[in-house]
Amino acid sequence: MSLSYPAVAPLILLSLSNVFMTFAWYGHLKVKAAPLMLVILVSWGIAFFEYCLAVPANRIGHQVYSAAQLKTIQEVISLTVFVAFSVLYLKESVGWNTLIGFGLIALGAAFVFRG
């Protein structure tokens, strides 16, 4: 695979979109006193920016990747971003069992890109 714009742009855009989505889904766990409806509305607002990155990522990426490959890329990035978010933002440790489980998912993802 080349380092062309349609090959690389989705990786960058999906990485950024996953940061937004991870904050939308899990960022509120640090502010448990906030009313649920407010948390939902703020999460929707954050998710808007996630969509503004994910949709173009998939549109551009589909020039060189299949839809299944794009979804696989997104999932692997999502797990990677989540581990970093969990440790750095939520201050939760990630155990070996979680890392092994995520590793197995990544191994499964490798099969999507095989031949």
Protein backbone atom coordinates (compact mmCIF):
# COMPACT_ATOMS: atom_id res chain seq x y z
CA MET A 1 0.00 0.00 0.00
CA SER A 2 1.25 3.46 -0.81
CA LEU A 3 1.32 6.49 1.45
CA SER A 4 -1.17 8.29 -0.77
CA TYR A 5 -3.67 10.80 0.61
CA PRO A 6 -6.62 8.35 0.33
CA ALA A 7 -4.61 5.75 2.24
CA VAL A 8 -3.28 7.98 5.04
CA ALA A 9 -6.04 10.59 5.55
CA PRO A 10 -8.55 8.08 6.94
CA LEU A 11 -6.03 6.95 9.57
CA ILE A 12 -5.56 10.50 10.79
CA LEU A 13 -9.24 11.47 10.57
CA LEU A 14 -10.42 8.26 12.24
CA SER A 15 -7.88 8.72 15.03
CA LEU A 16 -9.15 12.25 15.69
CA SER A 17 -12.78 11.18 15.41
CA ASN A 18 -12.21 8.44 17.96
CA VAL A 19 -10.81 10.93 20.45
CA PHE A 20 -14.04 12.92 20.17
CA MET A 21 -16.24 9.84 20.38
CA THR A 22 -14.39 8.44 23.36
CA PHE A 23 -14.93 11.73 25.20
CA ALA A 24 -18.58 11.73 24.14
CA TRP A 25 -19.16 8.20 25.42
CA TYR A 26 -16.92 8.09 28.49
CA GLY A 27 -15.82 11.61 29.41
CA HIS A 28 -18.86 12.16 31.61
CA LEU A 29 -17.72 9.40 33.95
CA LYS A 30 -15.56 11.99 35.74
CA VAL A 31 -18.57 14.26 36.36
CA LYS A 32 -21.12 11.87 37.81
CA ALA A 33 -22.97 14.70 39.58
CA ALA A 34 -24.04 16.24 36.25
CA PRO A 35 -27.67 15.61 35.31
CA LEU A 36 -28.06 12.77 32.83
CA MET A 37 -29.98 14.87 30.28
CA LEU A 38 -27.20 17.47 30.27
CA VAL A 39 -24.61 14.75 29.83
CA ILE A 40 -26.57 13.35 26.88
CA LEU A 41 -26.84 16.76 25.20
CA VAL A 42 -23.14 17.54 25.71
CA SER A 43 -22.24 14.08 24.40
CA TRP A 44 -24.34 14.69 21.27
CA GLY A 45 -22.53 17.97 20.75
CA ILE A 46 -19.15 16.26 21.02
CA ALA A 47 -20.31 13.44 18.74
CA PHE A 48 -21.17 15.99 16.05
CA PHE A 49 -17.46 16.71 15.63
CA GLU A 50 -16.74 12.99 15.58
CA TYR A 51 -19.09 12.60 12.63
CA CYS A 52 -17.51 15.60 10.88
CA LEU A 53 -14.26 13.63 10.88
CA ALA A 54 -15.47 10.03 10.51
CA VAL A 55 -17.73 10.55 7.51
CA PRO A 56 -15.02 12.18 5.35
CA ALA A 57 -12.51 9.58 6.59
CA ASN A 58 -14.71 6.79 5.27
CA ARG A 59 -15.57 8.63 2.06
CA ILE A 60 -11.89 9.29 1.29
CA GLY A 61 -10.70 5.92 2.55
CA HIS A 62 -13.16 3.95 0.45
CA GLN A 63 -11.04 4.85 -2.56
CA VAL A 64 -8.39 2.40 -1.33
CA TYR A 65 -10.00 0.35 1.47
CA SER A 66 -13.09 -1.82 1.51
CA ALA A 67 -15.88 -0.94 3.94
CA ALA A 68 -14.86 -3.93 6.09
CA GLN A 69 -11.27 -2.69 6.18
CA LEU A 70 -12.39 0.82 7.14
CA LYS A 71 -14.52 -0.59 9.96
CA THR A 72 -11.61 -2.72 11.13
CA ILE A 73 -9.27 0.27 11.11
CA GLN A 74 -11.82 2.24 13.12
CA GLU A 75 -12.18 -0.53 15.72
CA VAL A 76 -8.43 -0.95 16.24
CA ILE A 77 -7.99 2.81 16.54
CA SER A 78 -10.96 2.94 18.91
CA LEU A 79 -9.42 0.37 21.24
CA THR A 80 -6.06 2.13 21.15
CA VAL A 81 -7.61 5.52 21.92
CA PHE A 82 -9.75 3.97 24.66
CA VAL A 83 -6.76 2.44 26.45
CA ALA A 84 -4.93 5.77 26.41
CA PHE A 85 -8.08 7.63 27.52
CA SER A 86 -8.77 5.16 30.31
CA VAL A 87 -5.26 5.46 31.72
CA LEU A 88 -4.60 9.17 31.13
CA TYR A 89 -8.03 10.74 31.66
CA LEU A 90 -10.00 8.35 33.85
CA LYS A 91 -6.86 7.27 35.76
CA GLU A 92 -7.93 3.63 35.53
CA SER A 93 -5.40 0.89 35.15
CA VAL A 94 -5.59 -1.52 32.25
CA GLY A 95 -4.92 -5.11 33.21
CA TRP A 96 -3.20 -7.82 31.24
CA ASN A 97 -6.50 -9.56 30.57
CA THR A 98 -7.81 -6.41 28.87
CA LEU A 99 -4.63 -5.93 26.86
CA ILE A 100 -4.64 -9.58 25.79
CA GLY A 101 -8.30 -9.33 24.80
CA PHE A 102 -7.68 -6.18 22.78
CA GLY A 103 -4.62 -7.84 21.26
CA LEU A 104 -6.73 -10.77 20.11
CA ILE A 105 -9.17 -8.35 18.52
CA ALA A 106 -6.23 -6.69 16.73
CA LEU A 107 -5.03 -10.13 15.60
CA GLY A 108 -8.50 -10.81 14.20
CA ALA A 109 -8.35 -7.45 12.44
CA ALA A 110 -5.15 -8.52 10.72
CA PHE A 111 -7.10 -11.27 8.97
CA VAL A 112 -9.38 -8.68 7.38
CA PHE A 113 -6.35 -7.19 5.61
CA ARG A 114 -4.85 -10.51 4.57
CA GLY A 115 -4.83 -11.17 0.85
